[in-house]
Amino acid sequence: MRASLPRTGRGRGWFSKRWIYWKRRYSDPTRRDWVMLAVLLAILLALALSPVSFRLTGGVLAAVPAGMGVLRLLGDEWAATVRNRGRGFDATLLFAVAVLLALLTVTVPG
């Protein structure tokens, strides 16, 4: 008969738990995930363009909320990414932010 040994492991490790969570969470990405990925890529593009031109970087950063406003106005499948607000309000707000960023880019001396 074998002596009772203390159990060394206590289930899954921290990394495997997180891996399982992220694998389940992002195995079927939602529209909101794709929008967030596009925004992240645009910010990285603006960061890469920053040594080239301030105005080009500002244009890319102004295009992000403008593109999100267009997506908000498109249709029901993209309208489902945000709830509890009107599509017109969101689009107006995003276009206003895009215009303000574009104006800031143009008015700052380069």
PDB file of N, CA and C in Angstrom:
ATOM      1  N   MET A   1       0.834  -1.170   0.000  1.00  0.00           N
ATOM      2  CA  MET A   1       0.000   0.000   0.000  1.00  0.00           C
ATOM      3  C   MET A   1       0.886   1.243   0.000  1.00  0.00           C
ATOM      4  N   ARG A   2       0.498   2.194  -0.760  1.00  0.00           N
ATOM      5  CA  ARG A   2       1.268   3.414  -0.934  1.00  0.00           C
ATOM      6  C   ARG A   2       0.902   4.454   0.112  1.00  0.00           C
ATOM      7  N   ALA A   3       1.891   5.164   0.574  1.00  0.00           N
ATOM      8  CA  ALA A   3       1.628   6.211   1.562  1.00  0.00           C
ATOM      9  C   ALA A   3       0.981   7.403   0.870  1.00  0.00           C
ATOM     10  N   SER A   4       0.192   8.106   1.598  1.00  0.00           N
ATOM     11  CA  SER A   4      -0.491   9.268   1.055  1.00  0.00           C
ATOM     12  C   SER A   4       0.501  10.426   0.914  1.00  0.00           C
ATOM     13  N   LEU A   5       0.705  10.848  -0.316  1.00  0.00           N
ATOM     14  CA  LEU A   5       1.599  11.968  -0.582  1.00  0.00           C
ATOM     15  C   LEU A   5       0.782  13.245  -0.767  1.00  0.00           C
ATOM     16  N   PRO A   6       1.328  14.364  -0.339  1.00  0.00           N
ATOM     17  CA  PRO A   6       0.590  15.607  -0.560  1.00  0.00           C
ATOM     18  C   PRO A   6       0.512  15.923  -2.054  1.00  0.00           C
ATOM     19  N   ARG A   7      -0.590  16.466  -2.446  1.00  0.00           N
ATOM     20  CA  ARG A   7      -0.788  16.815  -3.855  1.00  0.00           C
ATOM     21  C   ARG A   7       0.057  18.045  -4.184  1.00  0.00           C
ATOM     22  N   THR A   8       0.870  17.923  -5.215  1.00  0.00           N
ATOM     23  CA  THR A   8       1.754  19.037  -5.556  1.00  0.00           C
ATOM     24  C   THR A   8       1.064  20.054  -6.448  1.00  0.00           C
ATOM     25  N   GLY A   9       0.213  19.601  -7.342  1.00  0.00           N
ATOM     26  CA  GLY A   9      -0.464  20.534  -8.242  1.00  0.00           C
ATOM     27  C   GLY A   9      -1.829  20.925  -7.717  1.00  0.00           C
ATOM     28  N   ARG A  10      -2.284  22.099  -8.065  1.00  0.00           N
ATOM     29  CA  ARG A  10      -3.602  22.549  -7.647  1.00  0.00           C
ATOM     30  C   ARG A  10      -4.429  22.914  -8.874  1.00  0.00           C
ATOM     31  N   GLY A  11      -4.534  22.015  -9.790  1.00  0.00           N
ATOM     32  CA  GLY A  11      -5.303  22.302 -10.998  1.00  0.00           C
ATOM     33  C   GLY A  11      -4.432  22.905 -12.078  1.00  0.00           C
ATOM     34  N   ARG A  12      -5.060  23.637 -12.948  1.00  0.00           N
ATOM     35  CA  ARG A  12      -4.331  24.250 -14.060  1.00  0.00           C
ATOM     36  C   ARG A  12      -3.503  25.433 -13.567  1.00  0.00           C
ATOM     37  N   GLY A  13      -2.436  25.677 -14.275  1.00  0.00           N
ATOM     38  CA  GLY A  13      -1.581  26.815 -13.946  1.00  0.00           C
ATOM     39  C   GLY A  13      -2.187  28.115 -14.428  1.00  0.00           C
ATOM     40  N   TRP A  14      -1.609  29.229 -14.024  1.00  0.00           N
ATOM     41  CA  TRP A  14      -2.144  30.544 -14.368  1.00  0.00           C
ATOM     42  C   TRP A  14      -2.123  30.789 -15.864  1.00  0.00           C
ATOM     43  N   PHE A  15      -1.067  30.321 -16.543  1.00  0.00           N
ATOM     44  CA  PHE A  15      -0.976  30.582 -17.972  1.00  0.00           C
ATOM     45  C   PHE A  15      -2.021  29.785 -18.738  1.00  0.00           C
ATOM     46  N   SER A  16      -2.184  28.533 -18.390  1.00  0.00           N
ATOM     47  CA  SER A  16      -3.147  27.714 -19.132  1.00  0.00           C
ATOM     48  C   SER A  16      -4.571  28.193 -18.890  1.00  0.00           C
ATOM     49  N   LYS A  17      -4.874  28.696 -17.701  1.00  0.00           N
ATOM     50  CA  LYS A  17      -6.209  29.247 -17.451  1.00  0.00           C
ATOM     51  C   LYS A  17      -6.475  30.452 -18.339  1.00  0.00           C
ATOM     52  N   ARG A  18      -5.501  31.332 -18.416  1.00  0.00           N
ATOM     53  CA  ARG A  18      -5.675  32.511 -19.262  1.00  0.00           C
ATOM     54  C   ARG A  18      -5.714  32.132 -20.737  1.00  0.00           C
ATOM     55  N   TRP A  19      -4.917  31.177 -21.127  1.00  0.00           N
ATOM     56  CA  TRP A  19      -4.905  30.730 -22.513  1.00  0.00           C
ATOM     57  C   TRP A  19      -6.276  30.182 -22.901  1.00  0.00           C
ATOM     58  N   ILE A  20      -6.867  29.381 -22.040  1.00  0.00           N
ATOM     59  CA  ILE A  20      -8.191  28.820 -22.319  1.00  0.00           C
ATOM     60  C   ILE A  20      -9.228  29.927 -22.412  1.00  0.00           C
ATOM     61  N   TYR A  21      -9.158  30.906 -21.501  1.00  0.00           N
ATOM     62  CA  TYR A  21     -10.105  32.016 -21.517  1.00  0.00           C
ATOM     63  C   TYR A  21      -9.998  32.803 -22.815  1.00  0.00           C
ATOM     64  N   TRP A  22      -8.783  33.203 -23.192  1.00  0.00           N
ATOM     65  CA  TRP A  22      -8.603  34.010 -24.391  1.00  0.00           C
ATOM     66  C   TRP A  22      -8.940  33.218 -25.642  1.00  0.00           C
ATOM     67  N   LYS A  23      -8.656  31.917 -25.651  1.00  0.00           N
ATOM     68  CA  LYS A  23      -8.977  31.087 -26.810  1.00  0.00           C
ATOM     69  C   LYS A  23     -10.492  31.002 -26.994  1.00  0.00           C
ATOM     70  N   ARG A  24     -11.205  30.840 -25.898  1.00  0.00           N
ATOM     71  CA  ARG A  24     -12.664  30.786 -25.993  1.00  0.00           C
ATOM     72  C   ARG A  24     -13.253  32.148 -26.334  1.00  0.00           C
ATOM     73  N   ARG A  25     -12.682  33.195 -25.741  1.00  0.00           N
ATOM     74  CA  ARG A  25     -13.239  34.539 -25.928  1.00  0.00           C
ATOM     75  C   ARG A  25     -13.058  35.024 -27.357  1.00  0.00           C
ATOM     76  N   TYR A  26     -11.912  34.776 -27.959  1.00  0.00           N
ATOM     77  CA  TYR A  26     -11.607  35.338 -29.270  1.00  0.00           C
ATOM     78  C   TYR A  26     -11.613  34.301 -30.387  1.00  0.00           C
ATOM     79  N   SER A  27     -12.185  33.131 -30.149  1.00  0.00           N
ATOM     80  CA  SER A  27     -12.245  32.149 -31.217  1.00  0.00           C
ATOM     81  C   SER A  27     -13.243  32.581 -32.287  1.00  0.00           C
ATOM     82  N   ASP A  28     -14.261  33.337 -31.913  1.00  0.00           N
ATOM     83  CA  ASP A  28     -15.247  33.845 -32.862  1.00  0.00           C
ATOM     84  C   ASP A  28     -15.402  35.337 -32.604  1.00  0.00           C
ATOM     85  N   PRO A  29     -14.543  36.155 -33.214  1.00  0.00           N
ATOM     86  CA  PRO A  29     -14.553  37.587 -32.876  1.00  0.00           C
ATOM     87  C   PRO A  29     -15.855  38.266 -33.313  1.00  0.00           C
ATOM     88  N   THR A  30     -16.286  39.214 -32.513  1.00  0.00           N
ATOM     89  CA  THR A  30     -17.488  39.975 -32.819  1.00  0.00           C
ATOM     90  C   THR A  30     -17.117  41.190 -33.664  1.00  0.00           C
ATOM     91  N   ARG A  31     -18.127  41.897 -34.110  1.00  0.00           N
ATOM     92  CA  ARG A  31     -17.874  43.101 -34.918  1.00  0.00           C
ATOM     93  C   ARG A  31     -17.116  44.149 -34.110  1.00  0.00           C
ATOM     94  N   ARG A  32     -17.423  44.240 -32.825  1.00  0.00           N
ATOM     95  CA  ARG A  32     -16.737  45.210 -31.976  1.00  0.00           C
ATOM     96  C   ARG A  32     -15.239  44.915 -31.924  1.00  0.00           C
ATOM     97  N   ASP A  33     -14.879  43.628 -31.922  1.00  0.00           N
ATOM     98  CA  ASP A  33     -13.462  43.258 -31.908  1.00  0.00           C
ATOM     99  C   ASP A  33     -12.776  43.698 -33.197  1.00  0.00           C
ATOM    100  N   TRP A  34     -13.459  43.560 -34.332  1.00  0.00           N
ATOM    101  CA  TRP A  34     -12.862  43.976 -35.603  1.00  0.00           C
ATOM    102  C   TRP A  34     -12.700  45.489 -35.661  1.00  0.00           C
ATOM    103  N   VAL A  35     -13.667  46.220 -35.111  1.00  0.00           N
ATOM    104  CA  VAL A  35     -13.558  47.681 -35.083  1.00  0.00           C
ATOM    105  C   VAL A  35     -12.390  48.101 -34.198  1.00  0.00           C
ATOM    106  N   MET A  36     -12.254  47.455 -33.043  1.00  0.00           N
ATOM    107  CA  MET A  36     -11.129  47.777 -32.154  1.00  0.00           C
ATOM    108  C   MET A  36      -9.789  47.446 -32.810  1.00  0.00           C
ATOM    109  N   LEU A  37      -9.731  46.346 -33.560  1.00  0.00           N
ATOM    110  CA  LEU A  37      -8.501  45.995 -34.258  1.00  0.00           C
ATOM    111  C   LEU A  37      -8.172  47.019 -35.338  1.00  0.00           C
ATOM    112  N   ALA A  38      -9.178  47.484 -36.068  1.00  0.00           N
ATOM    113  CA  ALA A  38      -8.947  48.495 -37.102  1.00  0.00           C
ATOM    114  C   ALA A  38      -8.463  49.808 -36.491  1.00  0.00           C
ATOM    115  N   VAL A  39      -9.036  50.191 -35.363  1.00  0.00           N
ATOM    116  CA  VAL A  39      -8.596  51.423 -34.684  1.00  0.00           C
ATOM    117  C   VAL A  39      -7.157  51.274 -34.201  1.00  0.00           C
ATOM    118  N   LEU A  40      -6.835  50.120 -33.641  1.00  0.00           N
ATOM    119  CA  LEU A  40      -5.463  49.882 -33.187  1.00  0.00           C
ATOM    120  C   LEU A  40      -4.476  49.937 -34.351  1.00  0.00           C
ATOM    121  N   LEU A  41      -4.829  49.344 -35.478  1.00  0.00           N
ATOM    122  CA  LEU A  41      -3.945  49.380 -36.650  1.00  0.00           C
ATOM    123  C   LEU A  41      -3.782  50.799 -37.186  1.00  0.00           C
ATOM    124  N   ALA A  42      -4.855  51.597 -37.159  1.00  0.00           N
ATOM    125  CA  ALA A  42      -4.749  52.987 -37.606  1.00  0.00           C
ATOM    126  C   ALA A  42      -3.854  53.799 -36.678  1.00  0.00           C
ATOM    127  N   ILE A  43      -3.946  53.551 -35.388  1.00  0.00           N
ATOM    128  CA  ILE A  43      -3.072  54.258 -34.436  1.00  0.00           C
ATOM    129  C   ILE A  43      -1.621  53.855 -34.655  1.00  0.00           C
ATOM    130  N   LEU A  44      -1.378  52.576 -34.904  1.00  0.00           N
ATOM    131  CA  LEU A  44      -0.005  52.131 -35.192  1.00  0.00           C
ATOM    132  C   LEU A  44       0.508  52.714 -36.503  1.00  0.00           C
ATOM    133  N   LEU A  45      -0.372  52.841 -37.503  1.00  0.00           N
ATOM    134  CA  LEU A  45       0.022  53.478 -38.761  1.00  0.00           C
ATOM    135  C   LEU A  45       0.368  54.942 -38.528  1.00  0.00           C
ATOM    136  N   ALA A  46      -0.417  55.638 -37.717  1.00  0.00           N
ATOM    137  CA  ALA A  46      -0.123  57.034 -37.405  1.00  0.00           C
ATOM    138  C   ALA A  46       1.194  57.155 -36.652  1.00  0.00           C
ATOM    139  N   LEU A  47       1.461  56.217 -35.769  1.00  0.00           N
ATOM    140  CA  LEU A  47       2.731  56.219 -35.042  1.00  0.00           C
ATOM    141  C   LEU A  47       3.905  56.007 -35.997  1.00  0.00           C
ATOM    142  N   ALA A  48       3.728  55.119 -36.967  1.00  0.00           N
ATOM    143  CA  ALA A  48       4.798  54.880 -37.940  1.00  0.00           C
ATOM    144  C   ALA A  48       4.997  56.078 -38.863  1.00  0.00           C
ATOM    145  N   LEU A  49       3.929  56.821 -39.128  1.00  0.00           N
ATOM    146  CA  LEU A  49       4.042  57.986 -40.015  1.00  0.00           C
ATOM    147  C   LEU A  49       4.481  59.251 -39.289  1.00  0.00           C
ATOM    148  N   SER A  50       4.530  59.226 -37.984  1.00  0.00           N
ATOM    149  CA  SER A  50       4.857  60.445 -37.241  1.00  0.00           C
ATOM    150  C   SER A  50       6.228  61.025 -37.568  1.00  0.00           C
ATOM    151  N   PRO A  51       7.279  60.218 -37.812  1.00  0.00           N
ATOM    152  CA  PRO A  51       8.542  60.853 -38.202  1.00  0.00           C
ATOM    153  C   PRO A  51       8.496  61.463 -39.608  1.00  0.00           C
ATOM    154  N   VAL A  52       7.580  61.001 -40.431  1.00  0.00           N
ATOM    155  CA  VAL A  52       7.501  61.485 -41.811  1.00  0.00           C
ATOM    156  C   VAL A  52       6.846  62.855 -41.879  1.00  0.00           C
ATOM    157  N   SER A  53       5.617  62.955 -41.334  1.00  0.00           N
ATOM    158  CA  SER A  53       4.892  64.210 -41.448  1.00  0.00           C
ATOM    159  C   SER A  53       3.873  64.327 -40.324  1.00  0.00           C
ATOM    160  N   PHE A  54       3.845  65.488 -39.692  1.00  0.00           N
ATOM    161  CA  PHE A  54       2.857  65.750 -38.650  1.00  0.00           C
ATOM    162  C   PHE A  54       1.455  65.811 -39.240  1.00  0.00           C
ATOM    163  N   ARG A  55       1.328  66.436 -40.399  1.00  0.00           N
ATOM    164  CA  ARG A  55       0.013  66.598 -41.014  1.00  0.00           C
ATOM    165  C   ARG A  55      -0.545  65.263 -41.512  1.00  0.00           C
ATOM    166  N   LEU A  56       0.305  64.410 -42.016  1.00  0.00           N
ATOM    167  CA  LEU A  56      -0.136  63.084 -42.451  1.00  0.00           C
ATOM    168  C   LEU A  56      -0.604  62.257 -41.253  1.00  0.00           C
ATOM    169  N   THR A  57       0.123  62.351 -40.167  1.00  0.00           N
ATOM    170  CA  THR A  57      -0.277  61.643 -38.943  1.00  0.00           C
ATOM    171  C   THR A  57      -1.609  62.161 -38.437  1.00  0.00           C
ATOM    172  N   GLY A  58      -1.786  63.475 -38.432  1.00  0.00           N
ATOM    173  CA  GLY A  58      -3.062  64.054 -38.010  1.00  0.00           C
ATOM    174  C   GLY A  58      -4.209  63.648 -38.916  1.00  0.00           C
ATOM    175  N   GLY A  59      -3.928  63.538 -40.212  1.00  0.00           N
ATOM    176  CA  GLY A  59      -4.957  63.089 -41.149  1.00  0.00           C
ATOM    177  C   GLY A  59      -5.390  61.655 -40.886  1.00  0.00           C
ATOM    178  N   VAL A  60      -4.416  60.805 -40.594  1.00  0.00           N
ATOM    179  CA  VAL A  60      -4.750  59.408 -40.282  1.00  0.00           C
ATOM    180  C   VAL A  60      -5.550  59.335 -38.991  1.00  0.00           C
ATOM    181  N   LEU A  61      -5.130  60.106 -37.994  1.00  0.00           N
ATOM    182  CA  LEU A  61      -5.860  60.092 -36.725  1.00  0.00           C
ATOM    183  C   LEU A  61      -7.251  60.697 -36.867  1.00  0.00           C
ATOM    184  N   ALA A  62      -7.442  61.662 -37.766  1.00  0.00           N
ATOM    185  CA  ALA A  62      -8.773  62.229 -37.997  1.00  0.00           C
ATOM    186  C   ALA A  62      -9.648  61.257 -38.789  1.00  0.00           C
ATOM    187  N   ALA A  63      -9.032  60.402 -39.586  1.00  0.00           N
ATOM    188  CA  ALA A  63      -9.802  59.437 -40.382  1.00  0.00           C
ATOM    189  C   ALA A  63     -10.401  58.334 -39.515  1.00  0.00           C
ATOM    190  N   VAL A  64      -9.816  58.073 -38.345  1.00  0.00           N
ATOM    191  CA  VAL A  64     -10.317  56.996 -37.478  1.00  0.00           C
ATOM    192  C   VAL A  64     -11.742  57.297 -36.988  1.00  0.00           C
ATOM    193  N   PRO A  65     -12.008  58.441 -36.334  1.00  0.00           N
ATOM    194  CA  PRO A  65     -13.396  58.674 -35.920  1.00  0.00           C
ATOM    195  C   PRO A  65     -14.344  58.883 -37.100  1.00  0.00           C
ATOM    196  N   ALA A  66     -13.836  59.421 -38.213  1.00  0.00           N
ATOM    197  CA  ALA A  66     -14.700  59.572 -39.388  1.00  0.00           C
ATOM    198  C   ALA A  66     -15.121  58.206 -39.919  1.00  0.00           C
ATOM    199  N   GLY A  67     -14.193  57.273 -39.971  1.00  0.00           N
ATOM    200  CA  GLY A  67     -14.524  55.917 -40.411  1.00  0.00           C
ATOM    201  C   GLY A  67     -15.482  55.224 -39.457  1.00  0.00           C
ATOM    202  N   MET A  68     -15.303  55.464 -38.167  1.00  0.00           N
ATOM    203  CA  MET A  68     -16.220  54.882 -37.192  1.00  0.00           C
ATOM    204  C   MET A  68     -17.615  55.492 -37.327  1.00  0.00           C
ATOM    205  N   GLY A  69     -17.691  56.770 -37.654  1.00  0.00           N
ATOM    206  CA  GLY A  69     -18.991  57.396 -37.888  1.00  0.00           C
ATOM    207  C   GLY A  69     -19.689  56.820 -39.101  1.00  0.00           C
ATOM    208  N   VAL A  70     -18.920  56.555 -40.155  1.00  0.00           N
ATOM    209  CA  VAL A  70     -19.497  55.928 -41.353  1.00  0.00           C
ATOM    210  C   VAL A  70     -19.994  54.526 -41.020  1.00  0.00           C
ATOM    211  N   LEU A  71     -19.197  53.759 -40.276  1.00  0.00           N
ATOM    212  CA  LEU A  71     -19.632  52.419 -39.883  1.00  0.00           C
ATOM    213  C   LEU A  71     -20.891  52.467 -39.034  1.00  0.00           C
ATOM    214  N   ARG A  72     -21.008  53.486 -38.205  1.00  0.00           N
ATOM    215  CA  ARG A  72     -22.187  53.597 -37.343  1.00  0.00           C
ATOM    216  C   ARG A  72     -23.441  53.885 -38.161  1.00  0.00           C
ATOM    217  N   LEU A  73     -23.282  54.601 -39.281  1.00  0.00           N
ATOM    218  CA  LEU A  73     -24.432  54.922 -40.119  1.00  0.00           C
ATOM    219  C   LEU A  73     -24.784  53.825 -41.118  1.00  0.00           C
ATOM    220  N   LEU A  74     -23.898  52.864 -41.332  1.00  0.00           N
ATOM    221  CA  LEU A  74     -24.100  51.890 -42.420  1.00  0.00           C
ATOM    222  C   LEU A  74     -25.375  51.071 -42.302  1.00  0.00           C
ATOM    223  N   GLY A  75     -25.475  50.282 -41.284  1.00  0.00           N
ATOM    224  CA  GLY A  75     -26.653  49.428 -41.247  1.00  0.00           C
ATOM    225  C   GLY A  75     -26.794  48.726 -39.924  1.00  0.00           C
ATOM    226  N   ASP A  76     -27.732  47.797 -39.892  1.00  0.00           N
ATOM    227  CA  ASP A  76     -28.066  47.140 -38.640  1.00  0.00           C
ATOM    228  C   ASP A  76     -26.937  46.304 -38.070  1.00  0.00           C
ATOM    229  N   GLU A  77     -26.177  45.615 -38.918  1.00  0.00           N
ATOM    230  CA  GLU A  77     -25.127  44.764 -38.349  1.00  0.00           C
ATOM    231  C   GLU A  77     -24.016  45.576 -37.705  1.00  0.00           C
ATOM    232  N   TRP A  78     -23.700  46.747 -38.252  1.00  0.00           N
ATOM    233  CA  TRP A  78     -22.685  47.586 -37.616  1.00  0.00           C
ATOM    234  C   TRP A  78     -23.293  48.440 -36.516  1.00  0.00           C
ATOM    235  N   ALA A  79     -24.588  48.677 -36.587  1.00  0.00           N
ATOM    236  CA  ALA A  79     -25.248  49.444 -35.527  1.00  0.00           C
ATOM    237  C   ALA A  79     -25.317  48.638 -34.240  1.00  0.00           C
ATOM    238  N   ALA A  80     -25.167  47.330 -34.338  1.00  0.00           N
ATOM    239  CA  ALA A  80     -25.249  46.483 -33.150  1.00  0.00           C
ATOM    240  C   ALA A  80     -23.993  46.549 -32.298  1.00  0.00           C
ATOM    241  N   THR A  81     -22.945  47.232 -32.761  1.00  0.00           N
ATOM    242  CA  THR A  81     -21.721  47.295 -31.972  1.00  0.00           C
ATOM    243  C   THR A  81     -21.872  48.216 -30.768  1.00  0.00           C
ATOM    244  N   VAL A  82     -22.771  49.197 -30.840  1.00  0.00           N
ATOM    245  CA  VAL A  82     -23.001  50.127 -29.736  1.00  0.00           C
ATOM    246  C   VAL A  82     -24.491  50.139 -29.460  1.00  0.00           C
ATOM    247  N   ARG A  83     -24.864  50.109 -28.201  1.00  0.00           N
ATOM    248  CA  ARG A  83     -26.281  50.116 -27.844  1.00  0.00           C
ATOM    249  C   ARG A  83     -26.578  51.287 -26.923  1.00  0.00           C
ATOM    250  N   ASN A  84     -27.858  51.524 -26.718  1.00  0.00           N
ATOM    251  CA  ASN A  84     -28.379  52.528 -25.793  1.00  0.00           C
ATOM    252  C   ASN A  84     -28.141  53.966 -26.228  1.00  0.00           C
ATOM    253  N   ARG A  85     -27.754  54.175 -27.476  1.00  0.00           N
ATOM    254  CA  ARG A  85     -27.621  55.530 -28.009  1.00  0.00           C
ATOM    255  C   ARG A  85     -28.128  55.519 -29.442  1.00  0.00           C
ATOM    256  N   GLY A  86     -28.524  56.681 -29.902  1.00  0.00           N
ATOM    257  CA  GLY A  86     -28.982  56.797 -31.277  1.00  0.00           C
ATOM    258  C   GLY A  86     -27.819  56.782 -32.248  1.00  0.00           C
ATOM    259  N   ARG A  87     -28.060  56.210 -33.431  1.00  0.00           N
ATOM    260  CA  ARG A  87     -26.997  56.173 -34.445  1.00  0.00           C
ATOM    261  C   ARG A  87     -26.640  57.566 -34.926  1.00  0.00           C
ATOM    262  N   GLY A  88     -27.637  58.427 -35.068  1.00  0.00           N
ATOM    263  CA  GLY A  88     -27.381  59.797 -35.516  1.00  0.00           C
ATOM    264  C   GLY A  88     -26.525  60.574 -34.530  1.00  0.00           C
ATOM    265  N   PHE A  89     -26.795  60.400 -33.245  1.00  0.00           N
ATOM    266  CA  PHE A  89     -25.999  61.075 -32.217  1.00  0.00           C
ATOM    267  C   PHE A  89     -24.550  60.608 -32.270  1.00  0.00           C
ATOM    268  N   ASP A  90     -24.355  59.292 -32.340  1.00  0.00           N
ATOM    269  CA  ASP A  90     -22.991  58.763 -32.392  1.00  0.00           C
ATOM    270  C   ASP A  90     -22.252  59.237 -33.638  1.00  0.00           C
ATOM    271  N   ALA A  91     -22.925  59.184 -34.785  1.00  0.00           N
ATOM    272  CA  ALA A  91     -22.266  59.600 -36.030  1.00  0.00           C
ATOM    273  C   ALA A  91     -21.921  61.086 -35.982  1.00  0.00           C
ATOM    274  N   THR A  92     -22.835  61.906 -35.481  1.00  0.00           N
ATOM    275  CA  THR A  92     -22.563  63.346 -35.377  1.00  0.00           C
ATOM    276  C   THR A  92     -21.383  63.614 -34.455  1.00  0.00           C
ATOM    277  N   LEU A  93     -21.362  62.943 -33.333  1.00  0.00           N
ATOM    278  CA  LEU A  93     -20.255  63.116 -32.385  1.00  0.00           C
ATOM    279  C   LEU A  93     -18.928  62.679 -32.999  1.00  0.00           C
ATOM    280  N   LEU A  94     -18.916  61.545 -33.686  1.00  0.00           N
ATOM    281  CA  LEU A  94     -17.674  61.057 -34.288  1.00  0.00           C
ATOM    282  C   LEU A  94     -17.206  61.961 -35.424  1.00  0.00           C
ATOM    283  N   PHE A  95     -18.135  62.448 -36.242  1.00  0.00           N
ATOM    284  CA  PHE A  95     -17.740  63.371 -37.312  1.00  0.00           C
ATOM    285  C   PHE A  95     -17.233  64.700 -36.742  1.00  0.00           C
ATOM    286  N   ALA A  96     -17.824  65.171 -35.644  1.00  0.00           N
ATOM    287  CA  ALA A  96     -17.348  66.404 -35.010  1.00  0.00           C
ATOM    288  C   ALA A  96     -15.933  66.224 -34.477  1.00  0.00           C
ATOM    289  N   VAL A  97     -15.661  65.076 -33.877  1.00  0.00           N
ATOM    290  CA  VAL A  97     -14.302  64.802 -33.385  1.00  0.00           C
ATOM    291  C   VAL A  97     -13.316  64.742 -34.555  1.00  0.00           C
ATOM    292  N   ALA A  98     -13.729  64.121 -35.658  1.00  0.00           N
ATOM    293  CA  ALA A  98     -12.854  64.041 -36.837  1.00  0.00           C
ATOM    294  C   ALA A  98     -12.554  65.436 -37.385  1.00  0.00           C
ATOM    295  N   VAL A  99     -13.574  66.288 -37.443  1.00  0.00           N
ATOM    296  CA  VAL A  99     -13.362  67.654 -37.941  1.00  0.00           C
ATOM    297  C   VAL A  99     -12.446  68.428 -36.999  1.00  0.00           C
ATOM    298  N   LEU A 100     -12.643  68.280 -35.697  1.00  0.00           N
ATOM    299  CA  LEU A 100     -11.777  68.971 -34.739  1.00  0.00           C
ATOM    300  C   LEU A 100     -10.320  68.504 -34.854  1.00  0.00           C
ATOM    301  N   LEU A 101     -10.120  67.200 -35.027  1.00  0.00           N
ATOM    302  CA  LEU A 101      -8.748  66.709 -35.203  1.00  0.00           C
ATOM    303  C   LEU A 101      -8.130  67.223 -36.502  1.00  0.00           C
ATOM    304  N   ALA A 102      -8.923  67.266 -37.560  1.00  0.00           N
ATOM    305  CA  ALA A 102      -8.409  67.786 -38.832  1.00  0.00           C
ATOM    306  C   ALA A 102      -8.081  69.270 -38.716  1.00  0.00           C
ATOM    307  N   LEU A 103      -8.931  70.033 -38.054  1.00  0.00           N
ATOM    308  CA  LEU A 103      -8.656  71.464 -37.869  1.00  0.00           C
ATOM    309  C   LEU A 103      -7.427  71.682 -37.005  1.00  0.00           C
ATOM    310  N   LEU A 104      -7.274  70.878 -35.975  1.00  0.00           N
ATOM    311  CA  LEU A 104      -6.090  70.979 -35.128  1.00  0.00           C
ATOM    312  C   LEU A 104      -4.825  70.663 -35.927  1.00  0.00           C
ATOM    313  N   THR A 105      -4.913  69.676 -36.789  1.00  0.00           N
ATOM    314  CA  THR A 105      -3.763  69.317 -37.622  1.00  0.00           C
ATOM    315  C   THR A 105      -3.398  70.449 -38.578  1.00  0.00           C
ATOM    316  N   VAL A 106      -4.391  71.100 -39.127  1.00  0.00           N
ATOM    317  CA  VAL A 106      -4.126  72.174 -40.100  1.00  0.00           C
ATOM    318  C   VAL A 106      -3.636  73.439 -39.414  1.00  0.00           C
ATOM    319  N   THR A 107      -4.160  73.735 -38.223  1.00  0.00           N
ATOM    320  CA  THR A 107      -3.832  75.032 -37.600  1.00  0.00           C
ATOM    321  C   THR A 107      -2.514  75.015 -36.821  1.00  0.00           C
ATOM    322  N   VAL A 108      -2.045  73.855 -36.391  1.00  0.00           N
ATOM    323  CA  VAL A 108      -0.775  73.816 -35.659  1.00  0.00           C
ATOM    324  C   VAL A 108       0.356  74.035 -36.653  1.00  0.00           C
ATOM    325  N   PRO A 109       1.235  74.999 -36.378  1.00  0.00           N
ATOM    326  CA  PRO A 109       2.335  75.221 -37.323  1.00  0.00           C
ATOM    327  C   PRO A 109       3.289  74.026 -37.346  1.00  0.00           C
ATOM    328  N   GLY A 110       3.631  73.614 -38.536  1.00  0.00           N
ATOM    329  CA  GLY A 110       4.486  72.424 -38.690  1.00  0.00           C
ATOM    330  C   GLY A 110       5.837  72.801 -39.010  1.00  0.00           C
TER     331      GLY A 110
END
